[in-house]
Amino acid sequence: MQTVEDVKQTTVTVTVNNRPVTFAHHEATGASIKEAAIRQGVPIQQDFNLFEVKHDGSLKPIGDDEIVHLHNKLVFRATAPDDTSEE
């Protein structure tokens, strides 16, 4: 039987558009990150562009088929395809 501590160690919480999104695994594709964010209430759509926000504030594009190794405190930004803002 899993304890609360076991569950905490196996889940990963990242941030998408300033909202926490929790995963049961440590790897996900760009598309599955968006799907999980939508299921967990982040107001984005599947066709949004996904970016990893790097420590220096720069944005790394994440493709829908790209595999991302997830870890706590990882930050993503999802923007509408026609959004060209740099916020």
C-alpha atoms as a PDB file:
ATOM      1  CA  MET A   1       0.000   0.000   0.000  1.00  0.00           C
ATOM      2  CA  GLN A   2       1.301   3.449  -0.939  1.00  0.00           C
ATOM      3  CA  THR A   3       1.764   6.017   1.773  1.00  0.00           C
ATOM      4  CA  VAL A   4       1.199   9.740   1.371  1.00  0.00           C
ATOM      5  CA  GLU A   5       4.978  10.159   1.154  1.00  0.00           C
ATOM      6  CA  ASP A   6       5.166   7.583  -1.676  1.00  0.00           C
ATOM      7  CA  VAL A   7       2.525   9.489  -3.651  1.00  0.00           C
ATOM      8  CA  LYS A   8       4.336  12.802  -3.087  1.00  0.00           C
ATOM      9  CA  GLN A   9       7.547  11.287  -4.445  1.00  0.00           C
ATOM     10  CA  THR A  10       5.892   9.863  -7.558  1.00  0.00           C
ATOM     11  CA  THR A  11       3.935  12.965  -8.541  1.00  0.00           C
ATOM     12  CA  VAL A  12       5.440  16.018 -10.175  1.00  0.00           C
ATOM     13  CA  THR A  13       3.906  19.484 -10.063  1.00  0.00           C
ATOM     14  CA  VAL A  14       4.815  21.964 -12.774  1.00  0.00           C
ATOM     15  CA  THR A  15       3.379  25.401 -13.524  1.00  0.00           C
ATOM     16  CA  VAL A  16       1.453  26.239 -16.686  1.00  0.00           C
ATOM     17  CA  ASN A  17       0.422  29.890 -17.072  1.00  0.00           C
ATOM     18  CA  ASN A  18       0.947  30.496 -13.338  1.00  0.00           C
ATOM     19  CA  ARG A  19      -1.214  27.518 -12.300  1.00  0.00           C
ATOM     20  CA  PRO A  20      -0.055  24.222 -10.776  1.00  0.00           C
ATOM     21  CA  VAL A  21      -0.458  21.089 -12.898  1.00  0.00           C
ATOM     22  CA  THR A  22       0.277  17.682 -11.372  1.00  0.00           C
ATOM     23  CA  PHE A  23       1.543  14.622 -13.231  1.00  0.00           C
ATOM     24  CA  ALA A  24       1.879  11.011 -12.111  1.00  0.00           C
ATOM     25  CA  HIS A  25       4.929  10.454 -14.323  1.00  0.00           C
ATOM     26  CA  HIS A  26       8.213  12.254 -14.863  1.00  0.00           C
ATOM     27  CA  GLU A  27       7.946  12.400 -18.657  1.00  0.00           C
ATOM     28  CA  ALA A  28       5.276  13.932 -20.877  1.00  0.00           C
ATOM     29  CA  THR A  29       4.912  15.209 -24.415  1.00  0.00           C
ATOM     30  CA  GLY A  30       4.075  18.811 -25.150  1.00  0.00           C
ATOM     31  CA  ALA A  31       0.560  17.732 -26.170  1.00  0.00           C
ATOM     32  CA  SER A  32       0.027  15.762 -22.945  1.00  0.00           C
ATOM     33  CA  ILE A  33       1.232  18.718 -20.847  1.00  0.00           C
ATOM     34  CA  LYS A  34      -1.443  20.878 -22.494  1.00  0.00           C
ATOM     35  CA  GLU A  35      -4.071  18.117 -22.069  1.00  0.00           C
ATOM     36  CA  ALA A  36      -3.285  17.764 -18.364  1.00  0.00           C
ATOM     37  CA  ALA A  37      -3.347  21.530 -17.891  1.00  0.00           C
ATOM     38  CA  ILE A  38      -6.769  21.765 -19.558  1.00  0.00           C
ATOM     39  CA  ARG A  39      -8.132  18.889 -17.417  1.00  0.00           C
ATOM     40  CA  GLN A  40      -6.826  20.625 -14.293  1.00  0.00           C
ATOM     41  CA  GLY A  41      -8.523  23.932 -15.097  1.00  0.00           C
ATOM     42  CA  VAL A  42      -5.869  25.978 -16.880  1.00  0.00           C
ATOM     43  CA  PRO A  43      -7.753  28.137 -19.421  1.00  0.00           C
ATOM     44  CA  ILE A  44      -5.835  27.133 -22.553  1.00  0.00           C
ATOM     45  CA  GLN A  45      -6.675  25.165 -25.683  1.00  0.00           C
ATOM     46  CA  GLN A  46      -4.957  22.195 -27.276  1.00  0.00           C
ATOM     47  CA  ASP A  47      -3.795  24.271 -30.266  1.00  0.00           C
ATOM     48  CA  PHE A  48      -1.911  26.756 -28.063  1.00  0.00           C
ATOM     49  CA  ASN A  49       1.864  27.014 -28.412  1.00  0.00           C
ATOM     50  CA  LEU A  50       3.757  25.648 -25.418  1.00  0.00           C
ATOM     51  CA  PHE A  51       7.034  27.076 -24.139  1.00  0.00           C
ATOM     52  CA  GLU A  52       9.322  26.168 -21.266  1.00  0.00           C
ATOM     53  CA  VAL A  53      10.279  29.290 -19.320  1.00  0.00           C
ATOM     54  CA  LYS A  54      14.019  29.058 -18.681  1.00  0.00           C
ATOM     55  CA  HIS A  55      15.758  30.443 -15.565  1.00  0.00           C
ATOM     56  CA  ASP A  56      16.885  33.547 -17.466  1.00  0.00           C
ATOM     57  CA  GLY A  57      13.315  34.233 -18.613  1.00  0.00           C
ATOM     58  CA  SER A  58      13.861  33.058 -22.183  1.00  0.00           C
ATOM     59  CA  LEU A  59      11.279  30.788 -23.797  1.00  0.00           C
ATOM     60  CA  LYS A  60      12.066  27.386 -25.300  1.00  0.00           C
ATOM     61  CA  PRO A  61       9.361  26.148 -27.715  1.00  0.00           C
ATOM     62  CA  ILE A  62       8.014  22.677 -26.893  1.00  0.00           C
ATOM     63  CA  GLY A  63       6.520  20.712 -29.795  1.00  0.00           C
ATOM     64  CA  ASP A  64       3.430  18.562 -29.317  1.00  0.00           C
ATOM     65  CA  ASP A  65       5.464  15.375 -29.917  1.00  0.00           C
ATOM     66  CA  GLU A  66       8.513  16.498 -27.924  1.00  0.00           C
ATOM     67  CA  ILE A  67       9.187  14.517 -24.738  1.00  0.00           C
ATOM     68  CA  VAL A  68       9.885  16.653 -21.688  1.00  0.00           C
ATOM     69  CA  HIS A  69      11.511  15.328 -18.507  1.00  0.00           C
ATOM     70  CA  LEU A  70       9.337  16.831 -15.790  1.00  0.00           C
ATOM     71  CA  HIS A  71      10.502  18.012 -12.394  1.00  0.00           C
ATOM     72  CA  ASN A  72       8.983  20.140  -9.675  1.00  0.00           C
ATOM     73  CA  LYS A  73       9.258  23.893 -10.265  1.00  0.00           C
ATOM     74  CA  LEU A  74       9.379  23.503 -14.056  1.00  0.00           C
ATOM     75  CA  VAL A  75       7.488  26.441 -15.601  1.00  0.00           C
ATOM     76  CA  PHE A  76       5.603  26.528 -18.899  1.00  0.00           C
ATOM     77  CA  ARG A  77       3.726  29.211 -20.779  1.00  0.00           C
ATOM     78  CA  ALA A  78       0.993  28.369 -23.268  1.00  0.00           C
ATOM     79  CA  THR A  79      -0.105  31.056 -25.718  1.00  0.00           C
ATOM     80  CA  ALA A  80      -2.728  31.274 -28.420  1.00  0.00           C
ATOM     81  CA  PRO A  81      -1.294  30.663 -31.903  1.00  0.00           C
ATOM     82  CA  ASP A  82      -1.902  34.297 -32.868  1.00  0.00           C
ATOM     83  CA  ASP A  83      -0.440  35.764 -29.622  1.00  0.00           C
ATOM     84  CA  THR A  84       2.850  37.494 -30.355  1.00  0.00           C
ATOM     85  CA  SER A  85       3.280  39.171 -26.953  1.00  0.00           C
ATOM     86  CA  GLU A  86       6.514  38.755 -25.017  1.00  0.00           C
ATOM     87  CA  GLU A  87       4.940  38.765 -21.519  1.00  0.00           C
END
